[in-house]
Amino acid sequence: MLKVCSVCGGIKPLGEFQVRRASSDGRAPSCKDCRQAYDRERASQPHRVAVRDRVRAERNADPIKRKIDIQKRREWIARNRLKRQAHILVGNAIAQGKLSPPAACEECREASNLLHAHHEDYAQPFDVVWLCPPCHGYRHQQINDELRAVERMAA
């Protein structure tokens, strides 16, 4: 099924719209791309940045909350050893000049000086796809959608 985005006017598959149970068709009126652009613009407003910075500073100043954050980070590392190892190896290779990102995203071909090294397989840490932040986020969204579909089929 297709739907028209209320912002860009594009005709897109329903999968390109977030789930919204309150809507008659069960989907948000704007597509995910338009919503992402809106959210990014909204998050960069000065008063929102100031609040985010204040909350972060308060959290770091509170020793109990800081301890909780450190513990959560350690737990994540313990659960994701292979992923963490791949991140460290790639970071070290970049720092040593053994690995360098291209000038443009491998997905959208947009020139960028901020590219993420995306791993399709963490067991092969140097086999990366260089993606800009929006394409990297979209790739992980695709991966998560695929995992959810498999889980639904198994249930």
C-alpha atoms as a PDB file:
ATOM      1  CA  MET A   1       0.000   0.000   0.000  1.00  0.00           C
ATOM      2  CA  LEU A   2       1.085   3.547  -0.694  1.00  0.00           C
ATOM      3  CA  LYS A   3       0.571   6.778   1.206  1.00  0.00           C
ATOM      4  CA  VAL A   4       1.176  10.470   0.484  1.00  0.00           C
ATOM      5  CA  CYS A   5       3.491  12.309   2.872  1.00  0.00           C
ATOM      6  CA  SER A   6       1.817  15.404   4.328  1.00  0.00           C
ATOM      7  CA  VAL A   7       5.098  17.346   4.277  1.00  0.00           C
ATOM      8  CA  CYS A   8       6.983  16.513   1.068  1.00  0.00           C
ATOM      9  CA  GLY A   9       4.007  15.197  -0.909  1.00  0.00           C
ATOM     10  CA  GLY A  10       5.926  12.076  -1.909  1.00  0.00           C
ATOM     11  CA  ILE A  11       4.062   8.839  -2.536  1.00  0.00           C
ATOM     12  CA  LYS A  12       5.761   6.156  -0.478  1.00  0.00           C
ATOM     13  CA  PRO A  13       5.119   2.623   0.845  1.00  0.00           C
ATOM     14  CA  LEU A  14       3.530   2.400   4.306  1.00  0.00           C
ATOM     15  CA  GLY A  15       6.832   1.118   5.693  1.00  0.00           C
ATOM     16  CA  GLU A  16       8.244   4.626   5.164  1.00  0.00           C
ATOM     17  CA  PHE A  17       5.827   6.018   7.781  1.00  0.00           C
ATOM     18  CA  GLN A  18       6.106   5.516  11.542  1.00  0.00           C
ATOM     19  CA  VAL A  19       3.414   3.515  13.308  1.00  0.00           C
ATOM     20  CA  ARG A  20       0.840   5.779  14.944  1.00  0.00           C
ATOM     21  CA  ARG A  21      -2.105   3.947  16.430  1.00  0.00           C
ATOM     22  CA  ALA A  22      -4.181   7.141  16.768  1.00  0.00           C
ATOM     23  CA  SER A  23      -4.290   7.608  12.975  1.00  0.00           C
ATOM     24  CA  SER A  24      -7.075   6.039  10.957  1.00  0.00           C
ATOM     25  CA  ASP A  25      -4.554   4.134   8.814  1.00  0.00           C
ATOM     26  CA  GLY A  26      -2.239   3.381  11.757  1.00  0.00           C
ATOM     27  CA  ARG A  27       0.632   5.466  10.341  1.00  0.00           C
ATOM     28  CA  ALA A  28       2.005   8.967  10.942  1.00  0.00           C
ATOM     29  CA  PRO A  29       1.035  11.642   8.394  1.00  0.00           C
ATOM     30  CA  SER A  30       4.638  12.500   7.459  1.00  0.00           C
ATOM     31  CA  CYS A  31       7.252  10.075   6.125  1.00  0.00           C
ATOM     32  CA  LYS A  32      10.237   8.995   8.213  1.00  0.00           C
ATOM     33  CA  ASP A  33      12.641  11.182   6.219  1.00  0.00           C
ATOM     34  CA  CYS A  34      10.543  14.330   6.784  1.00  0.00           C
ATOM     35  CA  ARG A  35      10.064  13.461  10.441  1.00  0.00           C
ATOM     36  CA  GLN A  36      13.804  12.933  10.874  1.00  0.00           C
ATOM     37  CA  ALA A  37      14.546  16.324   9.276  1.00  0.00           C
ATOM     38  CA  TYR A  38      11.952  17.984  11.532  1.00  0.00           C
ATOM     39  CA  ASP A  39      13.339  16.281  14.652  1.00  0.00           C
ATOM     40  CA  ARG A  40      16.916  17.232  13.759  1.00  0.00           C
ATOM     41  CA  GLU A  41      15.944  20.873  13.191  1.00  0.00           C
ATOM     42  CA  ARG A  42      13.935  20.946  16.415  1.00  0.00           C
ATOM     43  CA  ALA A  43      16.768  19.378  18.447  1.00  0.00           C
ATOM     44  CA  SER A  44      19.224  22.025  17.247  1.00  0.00           C
ATOM     45  CA  GLN A  45      17.139  24.943  18.547  1.00  0.00           C
ATOM     46  CA  PRO A  46      19.209  26.937  21.074  1.00  0.00           C
ATOM     47  CA  HIS A  47      16.886  26.441  24.046  1.00  0.00           C
ATOM     48  CA  ARG A  48      16.809  22.670  23.481  1.00  0.00           C
ATOM     49  CA  VAL A  49      20.599  22.491  23.181  1.00  0.00           C
ATOM     50  CA  ALA A  50      20.930  24.493  26.417  1.00  0.00           C
ATOM     51  CA  VAL A  51      18.575  22.145  28.282  1.00  0.00           C
ATOM     52  CA  ARG A  52      20.392  19.075  26.946  1.00  0.00           C
ATOM     53  CA  ASP A  53      23.767  20.509  27.981  1.00  0.00           C
ATOM     54  CA  ARG A  54      22.465  21.446  31.451  1.00  0.00           C
ATOM     55  CA  VAL A  55      20.992  17.988  32.034  1.00  0.00           C
ATOM     56  CA  ARG A  56      24.231  16.347  30.891  1.00  0.00           C
ATOM     57  CA  ALA A  57      26.294  18.563  33.204  1.00  0.00           C
ATOM     58  CA  GLU A  58      23.975  17.838  36.144  1.00  0.00           C
ATOM     59  CA  ARG A  59      24.124  14.121  35.452  1.00  0.00           C
ATOM     60  CA  ASN A  60      27.922  14.145  35.324  1.00  0.00           C
ATOM     61  CA  ALA A  61      28.077  16.209  38.543  1.00  0.00           C
ATOM     62  CA  ASP A  62      25.935  13.717  40.484  1.00  0.00           C
ATOM     63  CA  PRO A  63      28.265  10.891  41.594  1.00  0.00           C
ATOM     64  CA  ILE A  64      25.429   8.354  41.914  1.00  0.00           C
ATOM     65  CA  LYS A  65      24.119   9.005  38.394  1.00  0.00           C
ATOM     66  CA  ARG A  66      27.678   9.024  37.051  1.00  0.00           C
ATOM     67  CA  LYS A  67      28.301   5.651  38.698  1.00  0.00           C
ATOM     68  CA  ILE A  68      25.096   4.272  37.121  1.00  0.00           C
ATOM     69  CA  ASP A  69      26.182   5.550  33.697  1.00  0.00           C
ATOM     70  CA  ILE A  70      29.601   3.915  34.073  1.00  0.00           C
ATOM     71  CA  GLN A  71      27.983   0.639  35.149  1.00  0.00           C
ATOM     72  CA  LYS A  72      25.602   0.695  32.167  1.00  0.00           C
ATOM     73  CA  ARG A  73      28.536   1.333  29.826  1.00  0.00           C
ATOM     74  CA  ARG A  74      30.435  -1.614  31.333  1.00  0.00           C
ATOM     75  CA  GLU A  75      27.388  -3.861  30.966  1.00  0.00           C
ATOM     76  CA  TRP A  76      27.006  -2.850  27.302  1.00  0.00           C
ATOM     77  CA  ILE A  77      30.676  -3.631  26.673  1.00  0.00           C
ATOM     78  CA  ALA A  78      30.296  -7.015  28.384  1.00  0.00           C
ATOM     79  CA  ARG A  79      27.253  -7.849  26.212  1.00  0.00           C
ATOM     80  CA  ASN A  80      28.872  -6.580  23.005  1.00  0.00           C
ATOM     81  CA  ARG A  81      32.528  -7.620  23.202  1.00  0.00           C
ATOM     82  CA  LEU A  82      32.904  -8.380  19.495  1.00  0.00           C
ATOM     83  CA  LYS A  83      31.236  -5.126  18.480  1.00  0.00           C
ATOM     84  CA  ARG A  84      33.393  -3.116  20.910  1.00  0.00           C
ATOM     85  CA  GLN A  85      36.556  -4.857  19.694  1.00  0.00           C
ATOM     86  CA  ALA A  86      35.688  -4.001  16.074  1.00  0.00           C
ATOM     87  CA  HIS A  87      35.091  -0.349  17.009  1.00  0.00           C
ATOM     88  CA  ILE A  88      38.449  -0.141  18.790  1.00  0.00           C
ATOM     89  CA  LEU A  89      40.358  -1.852  15.958  1.00  0.00           C
ATOM     90  CA  VAL A  90      38.872   0.492  13.350  1.00  0.00           C
ATOM     91  CA  GLY A  91      39.552   3.554  15.528  1.00  0.00           C
ATOM     92  CA  ASN A  92      43.165   2.485  16.034  1.00  0.00           C
ATOM     93  CA  ALA A  93      43.632   1.774  12.309  1.00  0.00           C
ATOM     94  CA  ILE A  94      42.311   5.237  11.458  1.00  0.00           C
ATOM     95  CA  ALA A  95      44.571   6.878  14.064  1.00  0.00           C
ATOM     96  CA  GLN A  96      47.597   4.984  12.678  1.00  0.00           C
ATOM     97  CA  GLY A  97      46.737   5.913   9.084  1.00  0.00           C
ATOM     98  CA  LYS A  98      46.175   2.276   8.055  1.00  0.00           C
ATOM     99  CA  LEU A  99      42.508   2.910   7.289  1.00  0.00           C
ATOM    100  CA  SER A 100      40.971   6.108   6.007  1.00  0.00           C
ATOM    101  CA  PRO A 101      37.417   7.016   5.077  1.00  0.00           C
ATOM    102  CA  PRO A 102      36.620   8.092   1.519  1.00  0.00           C
ATOM    103  CA  ALA A 103      35.503  11.638   0.719  1.00  0.00           C
ATOM    104  CA  ALA A 104      31.862  10.648   0.242  1.00  0.00           C
ATOM    105  CA  CYS A 105      29.227   8.337   1.706  1.00  0.00           C
ATOM    106  CA  GLU A 106      29.185   4.976  -0.070  1.00  0.00           C
ATOM    107  CA  GLU A 107      25.368   4.911  -0.054  1.00  0.00           C
ATOM    108  CA  CYS A 108      24.172   8.401  -1.064  1.00  0.00           C
ATOM    109  CA  ARG A 109      27.504   9.607  -2.529  1.00  0.00           C
ATOM    110  CA  GLU A 110      27.246  12.901  -0.603  1.00  0.00           C
ATOM    111  CA  ALA A 111      30.618  14.445   0.236  1.00  0.00           C
ATOM    112  CA  SER A 112      31.152  14.449   3.982  1.00  0.00           C
ATOM    113  CA  ASN A 113      34.000  14.879   6.435  1.00  0.00           C
ATOM    114  CA  LEU A 114      32.043  12.870   9.041  1.00  0.00           C
ATOM    115  CA  LEU A 115      31.586   9.271   7.930  1.00  0.00           C
ATOM    116  CA  HIS A 116      30.817   6.276  10.131  1.00  0.00           C
ATOM    117  CA  ALA A 117      32.468   2.893   9.615  1.00  0.00           C
ATOM    118  CA  HIS A 118      29.465   0.533   9.454  1.00  0.00           C
ATOM    119  CA  HIS A 119      30.074  -3.180  10.071  1.00  0.00           C
ATOM    120  CA  GLU A 120      27.788  -5.731   8.466  1.00  0.00           C
ATOM    121  CA  ASP A 121      29.801  -8.432  10.240  1.00  0.00           C
ATOM    122  CA  TYR A 122      31.687  -7.569  13.425  1.00  0.00           C
ATOM    123  CA  ALA A 123      33.820 -10.708  13.045  1.00  0.00           C
ATOM    124  CA  GLN A 124      35.521  -8.896  10.139  1.00  0.00           C
ATOM    125  CA  PRO A 125      36.390  -5.540  11.755  1.00  0.00           C
ATOM    126  CA  PHE A 126      38.120  -3.968   8.755  1.00  0.00           C
ATOM    127  CA  ASP A 127      35.356  -4.859   6.299  1.00  0.00           C
ATOM    128  CA  VAL A 128      33.400  -1.615   6.697  1.00  0.00           C
ATOM    129  CA  VAL A 129      31.021   0.469   4.624  1.00  0.00           C
ATOM    130  CA  TRP A 130      31.570   4.204   5.029  1.00  0.00           C
ATOM    131  CA  LEU A 131      28.229   5.926   5.613  1.00  0.00           C
ATOM    132  CA  CYS A 132      27.123   9.436   6.503  1.00  0.00           C
ATOM    133  CA  PRO A 133      25.137   9.639   9.773  1.00  0.00           C
ATOM    134  CA  PRO A 134      21.684   9.674   8.081  1.00  0.00           C
ATOM    135  CA  CYS A 135      22.518   6.686   5.854  1.00  0.00           C
ATOM    136  CA  HIS A 136      24.081   4.854   8.809  1.00  0.00           C
ATOM    137  CA  GLY A 137      20.954   5.395  10.885  1.00  0.00           C
ATOM    138  CA  TYR A 138      18.776   4.266   7.993  1.00  0.00           C
ATOM    139  CA  ARG A 139      20.896   1.124   7.526  1.00  0.00           C
ATOM    140  CA  HIS A 140      20.453   0.190  11.185  1.00  0.00           C
ATOM    141  CA  GLN A 141      16.733   0.894  10.865  1.00  0.00           C
ATOM    142  CA  GLN A 142      16.623  -1.581   7.952  1.00  0.00           C
ATOM    143  CA  ILE A 143      18.526  -4.176   9.989  1.00  0.00           C
ATOM    144  CA  ASN A 144      16.159  -3.726  12.943  1.00  0.00           C
ATOM    145  CA  ASP A 145      13.108  -3.987  10.659  1.00  0.00           C
ATOM    146  CA  GLU A 146      14.487  -7.235   9.204  1.00  0.00           C
ATOM    147  CA  LEU A 147      15.092  -8.647  12.702  1.00  0.00           C
ATOM    148  CA  ARG A 148      11.561  -7.737  13.805  1.00  0.00           C
ATOM    149  CA  ALA A 149      10.101  -9.387  10.697  1.00  0.00           C
ATOM    150  CA  VAL A 150      12.026 -12.598  11.428  1.00  0.00           C
ATOM    151  CA  GLU A 151      10.870 -12.498  15.064  1.00  0.00           C
ATOM    152  CA  ARG A 152       7.240 -12.051  13.972  1.00  0.00           C
ATOM    153  CA  MET A 153       7.513 -14.983  11.572  1.00  0.00           C
ATOM    154  CA  ALA A 154       9.030 -17.179  14.307  1.00  0.00           C
ATOM    155  CA  ALA A 155       6.297 -16.307  16.808  1.00  0.00           C
END
